[in-house]
């Protein structure tokens, strides 16, 4: 698991996938989420604009991220 720092809360789920380079575009991120390929805190998440905050755990493929608010 790796940590991902965000500068403000909340951040929409699809933006995290895009900014971390897991997908090529926002549209690809939204598609992956809609297809049920992303889990947040252990549950499949299909809401593209799900608000992500510090402490959330995101799993996509073989990647797992813990979200942290940067100081």
C-alpha atoms as a PDB file:
ATOM      1  CA  UNK A   1       0.000   0.000   0.000  1.00  0.00           C
ATOM      2  CA  UNK A   2       1.266   3.433  -0.799  1.00  0.00           C
ATOM      3  CA  UNK A   3       0.229   6.808   0.534  1.00  0.00           C
ATOM      4  CA  UNK A   4      -1.267   9.476  -1.700  1.00  0.00           C
ATOM      5  CA  UNK A   5      -1.256  13.045  -0.427  1.00  0.00           C
ATOM      6  CA  UNK A   6      -4.066  15.418  -1.334  1.00  0.00           C
ATOM      7  CA  UNK A   7      -3.923  19.152  -0.792  1.00  0.00           C
ATOM      8  CA  UNK A   8      -7.611  19.622   0.036  1.00  0.00           C
ATOM      9  CA  UNK A   9     -10.628  17.559   0.965  1.00  0.00           C
ATOM     10  CA  UNK A  10     -12.771  16.185  -0.492  1.00  0.00           C
ATOM     11  CA  UNK A  11     -11.442  14.987  -3.871  1.00  0.00           C
ATOM     12  CA  UNK A  12     -13.608  13.161  -6.396  1.00  0.00           C
ATOM     13  CA  UNK A  13     -12.670   9.506  -6.852  1.00  0.00           C
ATOM     14  CA  UNK A  14     -12.069   9.645 -10.606  1.00  0.00           C
ATOM     15  CA  UNK A  15      -9.561  12.482 -10.157  1.00  0.00           C
ATOM     16  CA  UNK A  16      -7.395  10.359  -7.850  1.00  0.00           C
ATOM     17  CA  UNK A  17      -7.176   7.577 -10.454  1.00  0.00           C
ATOM     18  CA  UNK A  18      -6.309  10.125 -13.131  1.00  0.00           C
ATOM     19  CA  UNK A  19      -3.735  12.105 -11.124  1.00  0.00           C
ATOM     20  CA  UNK A  20      -1.982   8.941  -9.904  1.00  0.00           C
ATOM     21  CA  UNK A  21      -1.525   7.806 -13.512  1.00  0.00           C
ATOM     22  CA  UNK A  22      -3.605   4.635 -13.137  1.00  0.00           C
ATOM     23  CA  UNK A  23      -5.666   5.611 -16.172  1.00  0.00           C
ATOM     24  CA  UNK A  24      -4.925   7.747 -19.214  1.00  0.00           C
ATOM     25  CA  UNK A  25      -7.845  10.164 -18.857  1.00  0.00           C
ATOM     26  CA  UNK A  26     -10.753  11.252 -16.725  1.00  0.00           C
ATOM     27  CA  UNK A  27     -13.131   9.430 -19.085  1.00  0.00           C
ATOM     28  CA  UNK A  28     -11.176   6.199 -18.639  1.00  0.00           C
ATOM     29  CA  UNK A  29     -11.273   6.655 -14.855  1.00  0.00           C
ATOM     30  CA  UNK A  30     -15.048   7.191 -14.905  1.00  0.00           C
ATOM     31  CA  UNK A  31     -15.496   4.103 -17.071  1.00  0.00           C
ATOM     32  CA  UNK A  32     -13.405   1.918 -14.725  1.00  0.00           C
ATOM     33  CA  UNK A  33     -15.429   3.127 -11.736  1.00  0.00           C
ATOM     34  CA  UNK A  34     -18.764   2.546 -13.523  1.00  0.00           C
ATOM     35  CA  UNK A  35     -17.662  -1.008 -14.380  1.00  0.00           C
ATOM     36  CA  UNK A  36     -17.096  -1.763 -10.697  1.00  0.00           C
ATOM     37  CA  UNK A  37     -13.313  -2.067 -10.918  1.00  0.00           C
ATOM     38  CA  UNK A  38     -12.596   0.294  -8.001  1.00  0.00           C
ATOM     39  CA  UNK A  39     -13.114  -0.322  -4.277  1.00  0.00           C
ATOM     40  CA  UNK A  40     -13.177   2.338  -1.562  1.00  0.00           C
ATOM     41  CA  UNK A  41     -12.724   1.193   2.037  1.00  0.00           C
ATOM     42  CA  UNK A  42     -13.346  -2.428   1.023  1.00  0.00           C
ATOM     43  CA  UNK A  43     -16.567  -1.900  -0.949  1.00  0.00           C
ATOM     44  CA  UNK A  44     -17.010  -1.653  -4.715  1.00  0.00           C
ATOM     45  CA  UNK A  45     -17.699   1.980  -5.583  1.00  0.00           C
ATOM     46  CA  UNK A  46     -19.582   2.914  -8.766  1.00  0.00           C
ATOM     47  CA  UNK A  47     -20.093   6.632  -8.064  1.00  0.00           C
ATOM     48  CA  UNK A  48     -17.576   8.503 -10.215  1.00  0.00           C
ATOM     49  CA  UNK A  49     -17.802  11.623  -8.077  1.00  0.00           C
ATOM     50  CA  UNK A  50     -17.608   9.848  -4.715  1.00  0.00           C
ATOM     51  CA  UNK A  51     -15.974  12.257  -2.291  1.00  0.00           C
ATOM     52  CA  UNK A  52     -12.647  10.910  -1.041  1.00  0.00           C
ATOM     53  CA  UNK A  53     -11.186  12.200   2.224  1.00  0.00           C
ATOM     54  CA  UNK A  54      -8.097  11.557   4.325  1.00  0.00           C
ATOM     55  CA  UNK A  55      -8.026   8.019   5.682  1.00  0.00           C
ATOM     56  CA  UNK A  56      -9.883   6.423   2.758  1.00  0.00           C
ATOM     57  CA  UNK A  57      -8.355   3.314   1.168  1.00  0.00           C
ATOM     58  CA  UNK A  58      -8.709   2.914  -2.610  1.00  0.00           C
ATOM     59  CA  UNK A  59      -8.036  -0.333  -4.460  1.00  0.00           C
ATOM     60  CA  UNK A  60      -7.793  -0.492  -8.253  1.00  0.00           C
ATOM     61  CA  UNK A  61      -6.297  -3.548  -9.926  1.00  0.00           C
ATOM     62  CA  UNK A  62      -3.116  -4.475  -8.064  1.00  0.00           C
ATOM     63  CA  UNK A  63      -2.729  -0.988  -6.579  1.00  0.00           C
ATOM     64  CA  UNK A  64      -3.870   0.024  -3.088  1.00  0.00           C
ATOM     65  CA  UNK A  65      -3.674   3.613  -1.850  1.00  0.00           C
ATOM     66  CA  UNK A  66      -4.225   5.322   1.493  1.00  0.00           C
ATOM     67  CA  UNK A  67      -5.317   8.932   1.147  1.00  0.00           C
ATOM     68  CA  UNK A  68      -3.642  11.494   3.414  1.00  0.00           C
ATOM     69  CA  UNK A  69      -4.114  15.232   3.654  1.00  0.00           C
ATOM     70  CA  UNK A  70      -0.806  16.993   3.103  1.00  0.00           C
ATOM     71  CA  UNK A  71       0.267  19.325   5.922  1.00  0.00           C
END
